[in-house]
Amino acid sequence: MREVTVSATISAPREQVFDAVCDLSIRPSFTDHFMDDYRLARVQPVGVGAAARFKLDLPLANEYAELTITKADRPRQIIEELRVGRRGRNRSVAVYDFTRESAHVTRVELTTFTEPATFIDRFKEIGAAGSIRRKTSKALDRLRLMFEEPDRTELKRATIAGYEPDKAARFGAHAGMDPARQSRL
């Protein structure tokens, strides 16, 4: 099991930083440099049970991954489980720790653990550790910039693939029914 740890100091209250990391819909705003084809796996993008799917840009292989938030202890810690590769056989864990440095300064530490399933996956991981360290460090720097130098534009937001809220099932109606157009019998 390989461990990679990176950290950043952000000039923002701990609760705000926690809420930004815990919301998977805005994750592409600071991780799109190594996560392609990012989409939500569930309707609720915040908190325990929120999930997303994406393609990791790694040096030896581009692999798909699914991320699920398994623990969210506001404002201290977020634990995410990742299933990477073919049929999700490789498991990873990402742990975000939020430490209050002062009233408006937060230290974010991201530790990732990986557990490759096969010999080939272990070989791929040797080259990926340095790349993961650089890319996650850059992601935390981009998260810091979101708070310290906010743009005037909206943050990138991910949605559920193929989900149309106007056509979603509600109140027992089947999917695709438009409540504005009631049948006239």
N, C-alpha and C. Protein backbone atom coordinates (compact mmCIF):
# COMPACT_ATOMS: atom_id res chain seq x y z
N MET A 1 0.84 -1.17 0.00
CA MET A 1 0.00 0.00 0.00
C MET A 1 0.89 1.23 0.00
N ARG A 2 0.69 2.11 -0.98
CA ARG A 2 1.50 3.31 -1.11
C ARG A 2 0.73 4.50 -0.56
N GLU A 3 1.44 5.38 0.13
CA GLU A 3 0.83 6.56 0.75
C GLU A 3 1.47 7.81 0.17
N VAL A 4 0.61 8.77 -0.22
CA VAL A 4 1.06 10.05 -0.74
C VAL A 4 0.36 11.14 0.06
N THR A 5 1.12 12.09 0.62
CA THR A 5 0.54 13.17 1.42
C THR A 5 0.97 14.52 0.87
N VAL A 6 0.00 15.41 0.68
CA VAL A 6 0.26 16.79 0.28
C VAL A 6 -0.57 17.71 1.17
N SER A 7 -0.16 18.97 1.26
CA SER A 7 -0.91 19.90 2.11
C SER A 7 -0.85 21.31 1.53
N ALA A 8 -1.79 22.14 1.98
CA ALA A 8 -1.84 23.54 1.57
C ALA A 8 -2.46 24.35 2.70
N THR A 9 -2.08 25.61 2.78
CA THR A 9 -2.65 26.52 3.75
C THR A 9 -3.52 27.52 3.00
N ILE A 10 -4.79 27.60 3.42
CA ILE A 10 -5.78 28.41 2.72
C ILE A 10 -6.29 29.50 3.65
N SER A 11 -6.36 30.72 3.14
CA SER A 11 -6.87 31.85 3.93
C SER A 11 -8.39 31.91 3.83
N ALA A 12 -9.04 31.03 4.57
CA ALA A 12 -10.50 30.97 4.62
C ALA A 12 -10.89 30.18 5.86
N PRO A 13 -12.09 30.41 6.40
CA PRO A 13 -12.53 29.63 7.56
C PRO A 13 -12.63 28.15 7.23
N ARG A 14 -12.36 27.33 8.22
CA ARG A 14 -12.34 25.88 8.05
C ARG A 14 -13.65 25.34 7.53
N GLU A 15 -14.78 25.86 7.98
CA GLU A 15 -16.10 25.37 7.57
C GLU A 15 -16.33 25.61 6.08
N GLN A 16 -15.89 26.76 5.56
CA GLN A 16 -16.08 27.06 4.14
C GLN A 16 -15.24 26.14 3.26
N VAL A 17 -14.00 25.89 3.67
CA VAL A 17 -13.12 25.01 2.91
C VAL A 17 -13.68 23.59 2.94
N PHE A 18 -14.14 23.14 4.10
CA PHE A 18 -14.74 21.81 4.22
C PHE A 18 -15.93 21.68 3.27
N ASP A 19 -16.83 22.67 3.28
CA ASP A 19 -18.02 22.62 2.43
C ASP A 19 -17.66 22.57 0.96
N ALA A 20 -16.62 23.27 0.54
CA ALA A 20 -16.20 23.25 -0.86
C ALA A 20 -15.66 21.89 -1.27
N VAL A 21 -14.88 21.26 -0.40
CA VAL A 21 -14.31 19.95 -0.73
C VAL A 21 -15.40 18.87 -0.67
N CYS A 22 -16.34 19.01 0.23
CA CYS A 22 -17.39 18.01 0.41
C CYS A 22 -18.43 18.05 -0.71
N ASP A 23 -18.50 19.13 -1.48
CA ASP A 23 -19.43 19.26 -2.60
C ASP A 23 -18.77 18.73 -3.86
N LEU A 24 -19.15 17.53 -4.28
CA LEU A 24 -18.53 16.92 -5.45
C LEU A 24 -18.89 17.61 -6.76
N SER A 25 -19.95 18.40 -6.78
CA SER A 25 -20.33 19.06 -8.02
C SER A 25 -19.36 20.17 -8.42
N ILE A 26 -18.63 20.76 -7.45
CA ILE A 26 -17.65 21.78 -7.81
C ILE A 26 -16.22 21.24 -7.85
N ARG A 27 -16.05 19.95 -7.68
CA ARG A 27 -14.72 19.34 -7.71
C ARG A 27 -13.98 19.60 -9.03
N PRO A 28 -14.65 19.63 -10.20
CA PRO A 28 -13.91 19.93 -11.43
C PRO A 28 -13.27 21.31 -11.45
N SER A 29 -13.71 22.23 -10.59
CA SER A 29 -13.13 23.57 -10.55
C SER A 29 -11.66 23.54 -10.16
N PHE A 30 -11.26 22.56 -9.36
CA PHE A 30 -9.86 22.52 -8.95
C PHE A 30 -9.15 21.21 -9.28
N THR A 31 -9.85 20.24 -9.89
CA THR A 31 -9.19 18.97 -10.23
C THR A 31 -9.30 18.60 -11.70
N ASP A 32 -9.79 19.50 -12.54
CA ASP A 32 -9.99 19.12 -13.94
C ASP A 32 -8.68 18.95 -14.72
N HIS A 33 -7.54 19.26 -14.13
CA HIS A 33 -6.26 19.06 -14.80
C HIS A 33 -5.83 17.59 -14.80
N PHE A 34 -6.45 16.74 -13.99
CA PHE A 34 -6.13 15.31 -14.03
C PHE A 34 -7.35 14.41 -13.95
N MET A 35 -8.55 14.99 -13.92
CA MET A 35 -9.78 14.21 -13.94
C MET A 35 -10.60 14.63 -15.15
N ASP A 36 -10.71 13.75 -16.12
CA ASP A 36 -11.48 14.02 -17.33
C ASP A 36 -12.82 13.30 -17.25
N ASP A 37 -13.76 13.73 -18.07
CA ASP A 37 -15.07 13.08 -18.18
C ASP A 37 -15.73 12.94 -16.80
N TYR A 38 -15.67 13.99 -16.01
CA TYR A 38 -16.17 13.98 -14.63
C TYR A 38 -17.69 14.14 -14.64
N ARG A 39 -18.39 13.25 -13.94
CA ARG A 39 -19.84 13.35 -13.82
C ARG A 39 -20.27 12.77 -12.48
N LEU A 40 -21.37 13.28 -11.97
CA LEU A 40 -21.89 12.80 -10.70
C LEU A 40 -22.57 11.46 -10.90
N ALA A 41 -22.49 10.61 -9.89
CA ALA A 41 -23.13 9.30 -9.95
C ALA A 41 -24.47 9.29 -9.22
N ARG A 42 -24.70 10.30 -8.37
CA ARG A 42 -25.95 10.38 -7.62
C ARG A 42 -26.48 11.80 -7.66
N VAL A 43 -27.77 11.94 -7.37
CA VAL A 43 -28.40 13.25 -7.43
C VAL A 43 -27.85 14.18 -6.36
N GLN A 44 -27.65 13.69 -5.14
CA GLN A 44 -27.15 14.51 -4.05
C GLN A 44 -25.62 14.55 -4.11
N PRO A 45 -25.01 15.71 -4.44
CA PRO A 45 -23.56 15.77 -4.59
C PRO A 45 -22.79 16.12 -3.32
N VAL A 46 -23.48 16.29 -2.18
CA VAL A 46 -22.83 16.76 -0.96
C VAL A 46 -22.98 15.74 0.15
N GLY A 47 -21.90 15.51 0.90
CA GLY A 47 -21.96 14.70 2.10
C GLY A 47 -21.79 13.21 1.87
N VAL A 48 -22.05 12.46 2.95
CA VAL A 48 -21.88 11.01 2.91
C VAL A 48 -22.81 10.41 1.87
N GLY A 49 -22.27 9.53 1.04
CA GLY A 49 -23.05 8.90 -0.01
C GLY A 49 -22.93 9.57 -1.36
N ALA A 50 -22.43 10.78 -1.41
CA ALA A 50 -22.22 11.45 -2.69
C ALA A 50 -21.16 10.69 -3.48
N ALA A 51 -21.36 10.60 -4.80
CA ALA A 51 -20.44 9.83 -5.63
C ALA A 51 -20.24 10.50 -6.97
N ALA A 52 -19.09 10.21 -7.58
CA ALA A 52 -18.76 10.75 -8.90
C ALA A 52 -17.93 9.73 -9.65
N ARG A 53 -17.99 9.82 -10.98
CA ARG A 53 -17.18 8.96 -11.84
C ARG A 53 -16.35 9.86 -12.75
N PHE A 54 -15.13 9.42 -13.06
CA PHE A 54 -14.24 10.22 -13.88
C PHE A 54 -13.13 9.35 -14.43
N LYS A 55 -12.37 9.93 -15.37
CA LYS A 55 -11.23 9.25 -15.96
C LYS A 55 -9.97 9.91 -15.43
N LEU A 56 -9.11 9.12 -14.78
CA LEU A 56 -7.85 9.63 -14.23
C LEU A 56 -6.80 9.70 -15.33
N ASP A 57 -6.07 10.78 -15.38
CA ASP A 57 -4.99 10.94 -16.35
C ASP A 57 -3.69 10.58 -15.64
N LEU A 58 -3.27 9.31 -15.76
CA LEU A 58 -2.06 8.81 -15.11
C LEU A 58 -0.98 8.56 -16.15
N PRO A 59 0.30 8.53 -15.74
CA PRO A 59 1.38 8.39 -16.73
C PRO A 59 1.38 7.08 -17.50
N LEU A 60 1.09 5.95 -16.87
CA LEU A 60 1.16 4.68 -17.58
C LEU A 60 -0.18 4.20 -18.11
N ALA A 61 -1.25 4.75 -17.63
CA ALA A 61 -2.57 4.32 -18.10
C ALA A 61 -3.62 5.34 -17.72
N ASN A 62 -4.57 5.50 -18.60
CA ASN A 62 -5.74 6.31 -18.30
C ASN A 62 -6.83 5.36 -17.82
N GLU A 63 -7.20 5.48 -16.56
CA GLU A 63 -8.16 4.54 -16.00
C GLU A 63 -9.37 5.28 -15.44
N TYR A 64 -10.51 4.62 -15.50
CA TYR A 64 -11.72 5.18 -14.93
C TYR A 64 -11.78 4.89 -13.44
N ALA A 65 -12.39 5.80 -12.70
CA ALA A 65 -12.48 5.66 -11.25
C ALA A 65 -13.86 6.10 -10.80
N GLU A 66 -14.27 5.55 -9.67
CA GLU A 66 -15.51 5.98 -9.02
C GLU A 66 -15.17 6.36 -7.59
N LEU A 67 -15.60 7.55 -7.19
CA LEU A 67 -15.30 8.10 -5.88
C LEU A 67 -16.59 8.19 -5.09
N THR A 68 -16.55 7.79 -3.82
CA THR A 68 -17.70 7.88 -2.92
C THR A 68 -17.24 8.45 -1.58
N ILE A 69 -17.98 9.43 -1.08
CA ILE A 69 -17.67 9.98 0.24
C ILE A 69 -18.26 9.03 1.28
N THR A 70 -17.40 8.45 2.12
CA THR A 70 -17.86 7.49 3.13
C THR A 70 -17.96 8.09 4.52
N LYS A 71 -17.22 9.18 4.77
CA LYS A 71 -17.29 9.83 6.08
C LYS A 71 -17.08 11.32 5.90
N ALA A 72 -17.94 12.11 6.53
CA ALA A 72 -17.81 13.56 6.49
C ALA A 72 -18.04 14.08 7.90
N ASP A 73 -16.97 14.32 8.62
CA ASP A 73 -17.03 14.82 9.99
C ASP A 73 -16.76 16.32 9.94
N ARG A 74 -17.84 17.09 9.77
CA ARG A 74 -17.71 18.54 9.59
C ARG A 74 -17.23 19.21 10.86
N PRO A 75 -16.28 20.06 10.82
CA PRO A 75 -15.40 20.53 9.74
C PRO A 75 -14.00 19.91 9.80
N ARG A 76 -13.86 18.71 10.32
CA ARG A 76 -12.54 18.14 10.58
C ARG A 76 -11.98 17.25 9.48
N GLN A 77 -12.81 16.34 8.94
CA GLN A 77 -12.26 15.30 8.08
C GLN A 77 -13.27 14.80 7.07
N ILE A 78 -12.77 14.46 5.88
CA ILE A 78 -13.55 13.80 4.84
C ILE A 78 -12.77 12.58 4.40
N ILE A 79 -13.45 11.43 4.35
CA ILE A 79 -12.83 10.21 3.86
C ILE A 79 -13.58 9.77 2.61
N GLU A 80 -12.82 9.54 1.53
CA GLU A 80 -13.39 9.12 0.25
C GLU A 80 -12.78 7.78 -0.15
N GLU A 81 -13.62 6.91 -0.66
CA GLU A 81 -13.15 5.64 -1.22
C GLU A 81 -13.20 5.72 -2.73
N LEU A 82 -12.15 5.23 -3.36
CA LEU A 82 -12.09 5.21 -4.81
C LEU A 82 -11.91 3.78 -5.27
N ARG A 83 -12.59 3.46 -6.34
CA ARG A 83 -12.40 2.17 -7.01
C ARG A 83 -11.89 2.50 -8.40
N VAL A 84 -10.69 2.03 -8.71
CA VAL A 84 -10.01 2.43 -9.93
C VAL A 84 -9.74 1.22 -10.80
N GLY A 85 -9.76 1.44 -12.12
CA GLY A 85 -9.38 0.40 -13.05
C GLY A 85 -10.52 -0.48 -13.49
N ARG A 86 -10.15 -1.54 -14.14
CA ARG A 86 -11.12 -2.47 -14.69
C ARG A 86 -11.97 -3.08 -13.58
N ARG A 87 -13.26 -2.90 -13.70
CA ARG A 87 -14.24 -3.39 -12.72
C ARG A 87 -13.97 -2.90 -11.30
N GLY A 88 -13.25 -1.81 -11.18
CA GLY A 88 -12.98 -1.24 -9.86
C GLY A 88 -12.15 -2.13 -8.96
N ARG A 89 -11.24 -2.90 -9.54
CA ARG A 89 -10.50 -3.88 -8.74
C ARG A 89 -9.46 -3.25 -7.82
N ASN A 90 -8.94 -2.07 -8.19
CA ASN A 90 -7.96 -1.39 -7.34
C ASN A 90 -8.68 -0.43 -6.42
N ARG A 91 -8.34 -0.48 -5.15
CA ARG A 91 -8.99 0.38 -4.18
C ARG A 91 -8.03 1.45 -3.71
N SER A 92 -8.59 2.63 -3.48
CA SER A 92 -7.83 3.74 -2.94
C SER A 92 -8.68 4.45 -1.90
N VAL A 93 -8.02 5.14 -1.01
CA VAL A 93 -8.69 5.94 0.00
C VAL A 93 -8.04 7.31 0.01
N ALA A 94 -8.86 8.36 0.02
CA ALA A 94 -8.38 9.73 0.12
C ALA A 94 -8.92 10.31 1.42
N VAL A 95 -8.02 10.87 2.23
CA VAL A 95 -8.40 11.44 3.53
C VAL A 95 -8.02 12.91 3.53
N TYR A 96 -9.02 13.77 3.66
CA TYR A 96 -8.81 15.21 3.80
C TYR A 96 -8.90 15.55 5.28
N ASP A 97 -7.87 16.17 5.83
CA ASP A 97 -7.88 16.65 7.21
C ASP A 97 -7.82 18.17 7.18
N PHE A 98 -8.73 18.82 7.91
CA PHE A 98 -8.82 20.28 7.97
C PHE A 98 -8.43 20.73 9.36
N THR A 99 -7.37 21.53 9.46
CA THR A 99 -6.87 22.01 10.74
C THR A 99 -6.96 23.53 10.76
N ARG A 100 -7.52 24.07 11.83
CA ARG A 100 -7.62 25.52 11.97
C ARG A 100 -6.28 26.06 12.44
N GLU A 101 -5.65 26.91 11.61
CA GLU A 101 -4.40 27.56 11.99
C GLU A 101 -4.69 28.83 12.79
N SER A 102 -5.68 29.58 12.35
CA SER A 102 -6.18 30.74 13.08
C SER A 102 -7.65 30.91 12.68
N ALA A 103 -8.26 32.02 13.04
CA ALA A 103 -9.69 32.20 12.79
C ALA A 103 -10.04 32.10 11.30
N HIS A 104 -9.18 32.61 10.43
CA HIS A 104 -9.49 32.61 9.00
C HIS A 104 -8.39 31.95 8.17
N VAL A 105 -7.66 31.02 8.75
CA VAL A 105 -6.63 30.27 8.03
C VAL A 105 -6.81 28.79 8.33
N THR A 106 -6.85 27.99 7.25
CA THR A 106 -7.07 26.55 7.37
C THR A 106 -5.94 25.80 6.68
N ARG A 107 -5.47 24.76 7.32
CA ARG A 107 -4.48 23.86 6.70
C ARG A 107 -5.22 22.62 6.24
N VAL A 108 -5.10 22.32 4.95
CA VAL A 108 -5.74 21.14 4.36
C VAL A 108 -4.65 20.13 4.04
N GLU A 109 -4.80 18.93 4.56
CA GLU A 109 -3.84 17.86 4.29
C GLU A 109 -4.58 16.72 3.60
N LEU A 110 -4.10 16.34 2.42
CA LEU A 110 -4.70 15.25 1.65
C LEU A 110 -3.74 14.07 1.62
N THR A 111 -4.20 12.94 2.14
CA THR A 111 -3.41 11.72 2.14
C THR A 111 -4.16 10.68 1.32
N THR A 112 -3.47 10.08 0.36
CA THR A 112 -4.09 9.02 -0.45
C THR A 112 -3.35 7.72 -0.21
N PHE A 113 -4.12 6.66 -0.07
CA PHE A 113 -3.59 5.30 0.09
C PHE A 113 -4.10 4.48 -1.08
N THR A 114 -3.26 3.66 -1.66
CA THR A 114 -3.70 2.80 -2.76
C THR A 114 -3.38 1.35 -2.45
N GLU A 115 -4.21 0.48 -2.98
CA GLU A 115 -4.03 -0.96 -2.81
C GLU A 115 -4.24 -1.63 -4.17
N PRO A 116 -3.15 -1.87 -4.93
CA PRO A 116 -3.28 -2.49 -6.24
C PRO A 116 -3.66 -3.96 -6.12
N ALA A 117 -4.45 -4.44 -7.09
CA ALA A 117 -4.96 -5.80 -7.02
C ALA A 117 -4.03 -6.82 -7.67
N THR A 118 -3.33 -6.45 -8.74
CA THR A 118 -2.51 -7.41 -9.47
C THR A 118 -1.07 -6.89 -9.57
N PHE A 119 -0.20 -7.76 -10.08
CA PHE A 119 1.20 -7.39 -10.26
C PHE A 119 1.33 -6.25 -11.27
N ILE A 120 0.57 -6.30 -12.33
CA ILE A 120 0.62 -5.25 -13.35
C ILE A 120 0.18 -3.91 -12.75
N ASP A 121 -0.85 -3.96 -11.93
CA ASP A 121 -1.32 -2.73 -11.28
C ASP A 121 -0.27 -2.18 -10.31
N ARG A 122 0.46 -3.06 -9.62
CA ARG A 122 1.53 -2.61 -8.73
C ARG A 122 2.64 -1.94 -9.54
N PHE A 123 2.93 -2.48 -10.72
CA PHE A 123 3.95 -1.90 -11.59
C PHE A 123 3.53 -0.51 -12.07
N LYS A 124 2.27 -0.37 -12.45
CA LYS A 124 1.76 0.93 -12.89
C LYS A 124 1.82 1.95 -11.76
N GLU A 125 1.60 1.50 -10.55
CA GLU A 125 1.58 2.39 -9.40
C GLU A 125 2.95 2.99 -9.09
N ILE A 126 4.01 2.29 -9.44
CA ILE A 126 5.36 2.79 -9.17
C ILE A 126 5.56 4.14 -9.88
N GLY A 127 5.15 4.22 -11.12
CA GLY A 127 5.30 5.46 -11.87
C GLY A 127 4.26 6.50 -11.53
N ALA A 128 3.14 6.07 -10.96
CA ALA A 128 2.03 6.99 -10.72
C ALA A 128 2.17 7.77 -9.41
N ALA A 129 2.95 7.30 -8.45
CA ALA A 129 3.03 7.95 -7.14
C ALA A 129 3.53 9.38 -7.25
N GLY A 130 4.58 9.62 -8.00
CA GLY A 130 5.10 10.97 -8.16
C GLY A 130 4.12 11.86 -8.90
N SER A 131 3.47 11.30 -9.89
CA SER A 131 2.48 12.07 -10.65
C SER A 131 1.29 12.43 -9.78
N ILE A 132 0.84 11.49 -8.96
CA ILE A 132 -0.30 11.76 -8.07
C ILE A 132 0.08 12.85 -7.07
N ARG A 133 1.30 12.81 -6.56
CA ARG A 133 1.76 13.84 -5.62
C ARG A 133 1.73 15.22 -6.28
N ARG A 134 2.25 15.32 -7.51
CA ARG A 134 2.27 16.62 -8.19
C ARG A 134 0.85 17.10 -8.52
N LYS A 135 0.01 16.20 -9.00
CA LYS A 135 -1.33 16.61 -9.42
C LYS A 135 -2.24 16.95 -8.24
N THR A 136 -2.14 16.21 -7.15
CA THR A 136 -2.97 16.55 -5.98
C THR A 136 -2.46 17.83 -5.30
N SER A 137 -1.15 18.05 -5.34
CA SER A 137 -0.61 19.29 -4.80
C SER A 137 -1.10 20.48 -5.61
N LYS A 138 -1.12 20.33 -6.93
CA LYS A 138 -1.64 21.40 -7.79
C LYS A 138 -3.14 21.60 -7.54
N ALA A 139 -3.88 20.52 -7.28
CA ALA A 139 -5.31 20.65 -7.00
C ALA A 139 -5.55 21.45 -5.72
N LEU A 140 -4.75 21.19 -4.68
CA LEU A 140 -4.90 21.95 -3.45
C LEU A 140 -4.51 23.42 -3.64
N ASP A 141 -3.52 23.68 -4.49
CA ASP A 141 -3.16 25.07 -4.80
C ASP A 141 -4.30 25.76 -5.54
N ARG A 142 -4.95 25.05 -6.45
CA ARG A 142 -6.09 25.63 -7.16
C ARG A 142 -7.27 25.84 -6.22
N LEU A 143 -7.45 24.95 -5.25
CA LEU A 143 -8.48 25.15 -4.23
C LEU A 143 -8.18 26.41 -3.42
N ARG A 144 -6.92 26.60 -3.08
CA ARG A 144 -6.51 27.80 -2.35
C ARG A 144 -6.83 29.06 -3.15
N LEU A 145 -6.55 29.03 -4.44
CA LEU A 145 -6.82 30.18 -5.30
C LEU A 145 -8.31 30.47 -5.41
N MET A 146 -9.16 29.44 -5.31
CA MET A 146 -10.61 29.65 -5.34
C MET A 146 -11.05 30.55 -4.20
N PHE A 147 -10.41 30.43 -3.06
CA PHE A 147 -10.78 31.23 -1.89
C PHE A 147 -10.03 32.55 -1.82
N GLU A 148 -8.75 32.53 -2.16
CA GLU A 148 -7.94 33.72 -1.98
C GLU A 148 -8.00 34.69 -3.14
N GLU A 149 -8.24 34.21 -4.34
CA GLU A 149 -8.35 35.06 -5.53
C GLU A 149 -9.58 34.65 -6.33
N PRO A 150 -10.77 34.87 -5.80
CA PRO A 150 -11.97 34.42 -6.51
C PRO A 150 -12.18 35.17 -7.82
N ASP A 151 -12.56 34.43 -8.84
CA ASP A 151 -12.88 35.03 -10.13
C ASP A 151 -14.28 35.60 -10.09
N ARG A 152 -14.58 36.39 -11.06
CA ARG A 152 -15.94 36.93 -11.18
C ARG A 152 -16.86 35.95 -11.89
N THR A 153 -16.32 34.88 -12.44
CA THR A 153 -17.12 33.91 -13.17
C THR A 153 -17.59 32.80 -12.24
N GLU A 154 -18.57 32.06 -12.69
CA GLU A 154 -19.09 30.93 -11.93
C GLU A 154 -18.07 29.80 -11.90
N LEU A 155 -18.11 28.99 -10.85
CA LEU A 155 -17.27 27.80 -10.76
C LEU A 155 -17.78 26.74 -11.72
N LYS A 156 -16.87 25.91 -12.21
CA LYS A 156 -17.29 24.78 -13.03
C LYS A 156 -18.09 23.83 -12.15
N ARG A 157 -19.20 23.36 -12.66
CA ARG A 157 -20.05 22.45 -11.90
C ARG A 157 -20.33 21.20 -12.73
N ALA A 158 -20.26 20.07 -12.08
CA ALA A 158 -20.58 18.81 -12.73
C ALA A 158 -22.05 18.49 -12.51
N THR A 159 -22.61 17.73 -13.43
CA THR A 159 -24.00 17.29 -13.30
C THR A 159 -24.04 15.78 -13.50
N ILE A 160 -25.22 15.23 -13.32
CA ILE A 160 -25.41 13.81 -13.55
C ILE A 160 -25.57 13.58 -15.04
N ALA A 161 -24.88 12.61 -15.57
CA ALA A 161 -24.96 12.33 -16.99
C ALA A 161 -26.39 11.90 -17.36
N GLY A 162 -26.99 12.63 -18.27
CA GLY A 162 -28.32 12.28 -18.75
C GLY A 162 -29.46 12.66 -17.82
N TYR A 163 -29.18 13.35 -16.75
CA TYR A 163 -30.23 13.72 -15.79
C TYR A 163 -30.86 15.04 -16.19
N GLU A 164 -32.15 15.04 -16.37
CA GLU A 164 -32.89 16.26 -16.68
C GLU A 164 -33.88 16.50 -15.56
N PRO A 165 -33.63 17.48 -14.69
CA PRO A 165 -34.49 17.67 -13.52
C PRO A 165 -35.94 17.97 -13.87
N ASP A 166 -36.20 18.59 -15.02
CA ASP A 166 -37.58 18.90 -15.40
C ASP A 166 -38.36 17.64 -15.78
N LYS A 167 -37.64 16.57 -16.11
CA LYS A 167 -38.30 15.34 -16.50
C LYS A 167 -38.13 14.22 -15.48
N ALA A 168 -37.57 14.54 -14.33
CA ALA A 168 -37.33 13.54 -13.29
C ALA A 168 -38.64 13.11 -12.66
N ALA A 169 -38.66 11.89 -12.18
CA ALA A 169 -39.86 11.36 -11.52
C ALA A 169 -40.09 12.10 -10.20
N ARG A 170 -41.34 12.55 -9.98
CA ARG A 170 -41.67 13.19 -8.72
C ARG A 170 -43.09 12.81 -8.35
N PHE A 171 -43.28 12.69 -7.08
CA PHE A 171 -44.61 12.42 -6.52
C PHE A 171 -45.27 11.19 -7.16
N GLY A 172 -44.48 10.17 -7.42
CA GLY A 172 -45.03 8.92 -7.93
C GLY A 172 -45.25 8.88 -9.42
N ALA A 173 -44.99 9.96 -10.14
CA ALA A 173 -45.18 9.97 -11.59
C ALA A 173 -44.00 9.27 -12.25
N HIS A 174 -44.24 8.61 -13.38
CA HIS A 174 -43.15 7.93 -14.05
C HIS A 174 -42.21 8.94 -14.70
N ALA A 175 -40.97 8.55 -14.92
CA ALA A 175 -39.98 9.43 -15.51
C ALA A 175 -40.42 9.82 -16.91
N GLY A 176 -40.24 11.07 -17.26
CA GLY A 176 -40.60 11.55 -18.58
C GLY A 176 -41.95 12.24 -18.61
N MET A 177 -42.72 12.11 -17.52
CA MET A 177 -44.01 12.78 -17.47
C MET A 177 -43.82 14.25 -17.18
N ASP A 178 -44.48 15.09 -17.90
CA ASP A 178 -44.42 16.53 -17.68
C ASP A 178 -45.65 16.94 -16.89
N PRO A 179 -45.48 17.35 -15.61
CA PRO A 179 -46.65 17.69 -14.80
C PRO A 179 -47.38 18.92 -15.31
N ALA A 180 -46.72 19.75 -16.11
CA ALA A 180 -47.38 20.92 -16.65
C ALA A 180 -48.40 20.55 -17.73
N ARG A 181 -48.21 19.40 -18.32
CA ARG A 181 -49.12 18.94 -19.38
C ARG A 181 -49.95 17.77 -18.86
N GLN A 182 -50.95 18.03 -18.14
CA GLN A 182 -51.83 16.99 -17.60
C GLN A 182 -52.75 16.49 -18.72
N SER A 183 -52.99 15.20 -18.73
CA SER A 183 -53.91 14.65 -19.74
C SER A 183 -55.32 15.11 -19.45
N ARG A 184 -56.04 15.45 -20.49
CA ARG A 184 -57.40 15.93 -20.35
C ARG A 184 -58.37 14.84 -20.75
N LEU A 185 -58.96 14.20 -19.78
CA LEU A 185 -59.92 13.12 -20.05
C LEU A 185 -61.31 13.52 -19.72
